[in-house]
Amino acid sequence: MSDHVFNVLFLCTGNSARSIIAEAILNRTGVGRFKAFSAGSQPKGEVHPYALALLKTANHDTSFARSKSWEEFAKPDAPRMDFVFTVCDNAAAEACPVWPGQPMTAHWGVPDPAAVEGTEAEKHFAFADTYRMLNNRISIFASLPLKSLDRLALQKRLDDIGRKLDKAG
């Protein structure tokens, strides 16, 4: 793999929380090495307000945040993806578009914070926990020595990141 900036697409069904959070994290963590995008198979049409609030509290730029279809990234004029990660189980089970350039793919499923029912505090905690899990995985990914790994070794590392148990802390 060369020294270019790697394009990474995070996919989820609704593109309203997890994939948006992942996009924000990688765009800050991997600045200069990675350019992150997000999309959904059935986009909600808006970003979840708790996701936006969490990102703003963590000092992330949220001007990029919009819920959009993964079809935008399957078009011929779309940025060519180097990596595509599903962050929800539903999107991982769906038939994805064919991505130009045969990007590396992996499933990094995390629970849907938008599905949590309970008090406001419990809901906010669910979003914070999602952020923590994605931040852990993305930090590991961003630190991989991409230039020195062959495709098979890199695929194993990507899959391992998705299988890691997220412990508190």
Protein backbone atom coordinates (compact mmCIF):
# COMPACT_ATOMS: atom_id res chain seq x y z
CA MET A 1 0.00 0.00 0.00
CA SER A 2 1.35 3.41 -0.96
CA ASP A 3 1.71 6.68 0.95
CA HIS A 4 -1.52 8.20 -0.34
CA VAL A 5 -4.42 9.24 1.92
CA PHE A 6 -6.64 6.19 2.44
CA ASN A 7 -10.38 6.62 1.92
CA VAL A 8 -12.50 4.78 4.49
CA LEU A 9 -16.27 4.28 4.36
CA PHE A 10 -18.23 3.40 7.50
CA LEU A 11 -21.58 1.77 6.82
CA CYS A 12 -24.67 1.32 8.92
CA THR A 13 -28.32 0.93 8.09
CA GLY A 14 -29.59 4.39 9.09
CA ASN A 15 -26.40 6.48 8.91
CA SER A 16 -27.61 8.55 11.84
CA ALA A 17 -25.32 7.59 14.73
CA ARG A 18 -22.62 4.87 14.66
CA SER A 19 -21.27 5.46 11.17
CA ILE A 20 -21.39 9.24 11.64
CA ILE A 21 -19.49 8.92 14.94
CA ALA A 22 -16.90 6.66 13.30
CA GLU A 23 -16.45 9.14 10.44
CA ALA A 24 -15.81 11.98 12.89
CA ILE A 25 -13.36 9.96 14.96
CA LEU A 26 -11.25 8.78 12.02
CA ASN A 27 -11.21 12.18 10.36
CA ARG A 28 -9.63 13.58 13.54
CA THR A 29 -7.50 10.58 14.56
CA GLY A 30 -6.22 9.86 11.08
CA VAL A 31 -5.82 13.36 9.74
CA GLY A 32 -3.25 13.33 6.93
CA ARG A 33 -3.42 9.53 6.57
CA PHE A 34 -7.14 8.83 6.22
CA LYS A 35 -10.26 10.51 4.87
CA ALA A 36 -13.42 9.02 6.37
CA PHE A 37 -16.93 8.93 4.98
CA SER A 38 -20.16 7.36 6.18
CA ALA A 39 -23.37 6.15 4.61
CA GLY A 40 -26.35 3.89 5.17
CA SER A 41 -28.36 1.31 3.27
CA GLN A 42 -31.60 2.93 4.43
CA PRO A 43 -30.57 6.39 5.64
CA LYS A 44 -32.77 8.03 8.24
CA GLY A 45 -32.39 11.39 6.53
CA GLU A 46 -31.08 13.11 9.66
CA VAL A 47 -28.27 12.66 12.16
CA HIS A 48 -29.42 11.60 15.63
CA PRO A 49 -29.34 14.66 17.92
CA TYR A 50 -27.53 12.69 20.67
CA ALA A 51 -24.77 11.78 18.20
CA LEU A 52 -24.35 15.42 17.24
CA ALA A 53 -24.35 16.54 20.87
CA LEU A 54 -21.74 13.93 21.80
CA LEU A 55 -19.47 14.87 18.91
CA LYS A 56 -19.74 18.58 19.72
CA THR A 57 -18.97 17.88 23.40
CA ALA A 58 -15.87 15.96 22.29
CA ASN A 59 -14.84 18.95 20.13
CA HIS A 60 -15.42 17.25 16.79
CA ASP A 61 -16.37 19.27 13.76
CA THR A 62 -19.94 18.26 12.86
CA SER A 63 -20.34 20.34 9.70
CA PHE A 64 -19.84 17.17 7.62
CA ALA A 65 -22.65 15.28 9.33
CA ARG A 66 -25.57 14.30 7.15
CA SER A 67 -27.44 11.05 6.71
CA LYS A 68 -26.87 9.70 3.19
CA SER A 69 -27.24 6.57 1.09
CA TRP A 70 -24.37 4.25 0.35
CA GLU A 71 -25.38 4.56 -3.30
CA GLU A 72 -23.51 7.91 -3.34
CA PHE A 73 -20.27 5.97 -2.90
CA ALA A 74 -21.02 3.33 -5.54
CA LYS A 75 -21.20 5.86 -8.37
CA PRO A 76 -18.35 6.14 -10.88
CA ASP A 77 -17.45 9.69 -9.77
CA ALA A 78 -17.41 8.83 -6.04
CA PRO A 79 -14.16 8.75 -4.08
CA ARG A 80 -12.46 5.38 -4.49
CA MET A 81 -12.52 3.55 -1.14
CA ASP A 82 -9.53 1.72 0.26
CA PHE A 83 -11.47 0.34 3.24
CA VAL A 84 -15.17 -0.27 3.94
CA PHE A 85 -16.28 -1.13 7.49
CA THR A 86 -19.77 -2.06 8.61
CA VAL A 87 -20.49 -0.90 12.15
CA CYS A 88 -23.92 -2.46 12.58
CA ASP A 89 -25.04 -6.05 12.21
CA ASN A 90 -27.94 -5.21 9.86
CA ALA A 91 -25.68 -3.51 7.32
CA ALA A 92 -23.20 -6.39 7.53
CA ALA A 93 -25.95 -8.84 6.54
CA GLU A 94 -27.21 -6.77 3.61
CA ALA A 95 -26.07 -7.09 0.02
CA CYS A 96 -23.73 -4.14 -0.39
CA PRO A 97 -23.08 -2.36 -3.66
CA VAL A 98 -19.96 -3.34 -5.55
CA TRP A 99 -17.28 -0.89 -4.49
CA PRO A 100 -14.90 0.21 -7.26
CA GLY A 101 -11.30 -0.79 -6.63
CA GLN A 102 -11.99 -3.78 -4.38
CA PRO A 103 -11.48 -2.12 -1.00
CA MET A 104 -10.55 -4.10 2.10
CA THR A 105 -13.65 -4.79 4.18
CA ALA A 106 -14.40 -5.81 7.77
CA HIS A 107 -17.30 -5.89 10.20
CA TRP A 108 -16.87 -3.83 13.36
CA GLY A 109 -20.39 -4.11 14.78
CA VAL A 110 -21.32 -2.15 17.87
CA PRO A 111 -24.73 -1.93 19.58
CA ASP A 112 -27.13 0.73 18.31
CA PRO A 113 -27.23 3.56 20.85
CA ALA A 114 -30.36 4.99 19.20
CA ALA A 115 -32.24 1.80 20.12
CA VAL A 116 -31.61 2.21 23.85
CA GLU A 117 -34.69 2.92 25.91
CA GLY A 118 -34.56 4.38 29.39
CA THR A 119 -33.71 7.63 31.07
CA GLU A 120 -31.95 10.48 29.32
CA ALA A 121 -28.80 9.57 31.24
CA GLU A 122 -28.99 5.95 30.03
CA LYS A 123 -29.45 7.09 26.44
CA HIS A 124 -26.52 9.51 26.63
CA PHE A 125 -24.40 6.77 28.22
CA ALA A 126 -25.22 4.44 25.30
CA PHE A 127 -23.93 7.04 22.83
CA ALA A 128 -20.80 7.63 24.93
CA ASP A 129 -20.18 3.88 25.09
CA THR A 130 -20.56 3.61 21.31
CA TYR A 131 -18.06 6.44 20.91
CA ARG A 132 -15.62 4.66 23.25
CA MET A 133 -15.87 1.35 21.37
CA LEU A 134 -15.47 2.96 17.95
CA ASN A 135 -12.65 5.18 19.17
CA ASN A 136 -10.78 2.11 20.49
CA ARG A 137 -11.15 0.25 17.19
CA ILE A 138 -10.32 3.24 15.03
CA SER A 139 -7.24 4.06 17.12
CA ILE A 140 -5.96 0.51 16.61
CA PHE A 141 -6.71 0.71 12.88
CA ALA A 142 -5.04 4.11 12.48
CA SER A 143 -1.89 2.81 14.14
CA LEU A 144 -1.50 -0.23 11.84
CA PRO A 145 1.69 -0.24 9.75
CA LEU A 146 -0.26 -0.34 6.47
CA LYS A 147 2.83 -0.11 4.26
CA SER A 148 4.47 -3.16 5.81
CA LEU A 149 1.46 -5.52 5.89
CA ASP A 150 0.53 -7.69 2.94
CA ARG A 151 -3.16 -7.87 2.02
CA LEU A 152 -3.77 -11.15 3.86
CA ALA A 153 -2.11 -9.98 7.09
CA LEU A 154 -3.96 -6.68 6.90
CA GLN A 155 -7.31 -8.45 6.42
CA LYS A 156 -6.63 -10.57 9.50
CA ARG A 157 -5.83 -7.45 11.54
CA LEU A 158 -9.01 -5.71 10.34
CA ASP A 159 -11.12 -8.74 11.23
CA ASP A 160 -9.43 -9.01 14.64
CA ILE A 161 -10.26 -5.38 15.40
CA GLY A 162 -13.93 -6.17 14.82
CA ARG A 163 -13.82 -9.21 17.08
CA LYS A 164 -12.12 -7.51 20.00
CA LEU A 165 -14.19 -7.41 23.15
CA ASP A 166 -14.62 -3.84 24.27
CA LYS A 167 -13.93 -3.55 27.96
CA ALA A 168 -14.72 -0.41 29.90
CA GLY A 169 -11.81 1.97 30.08
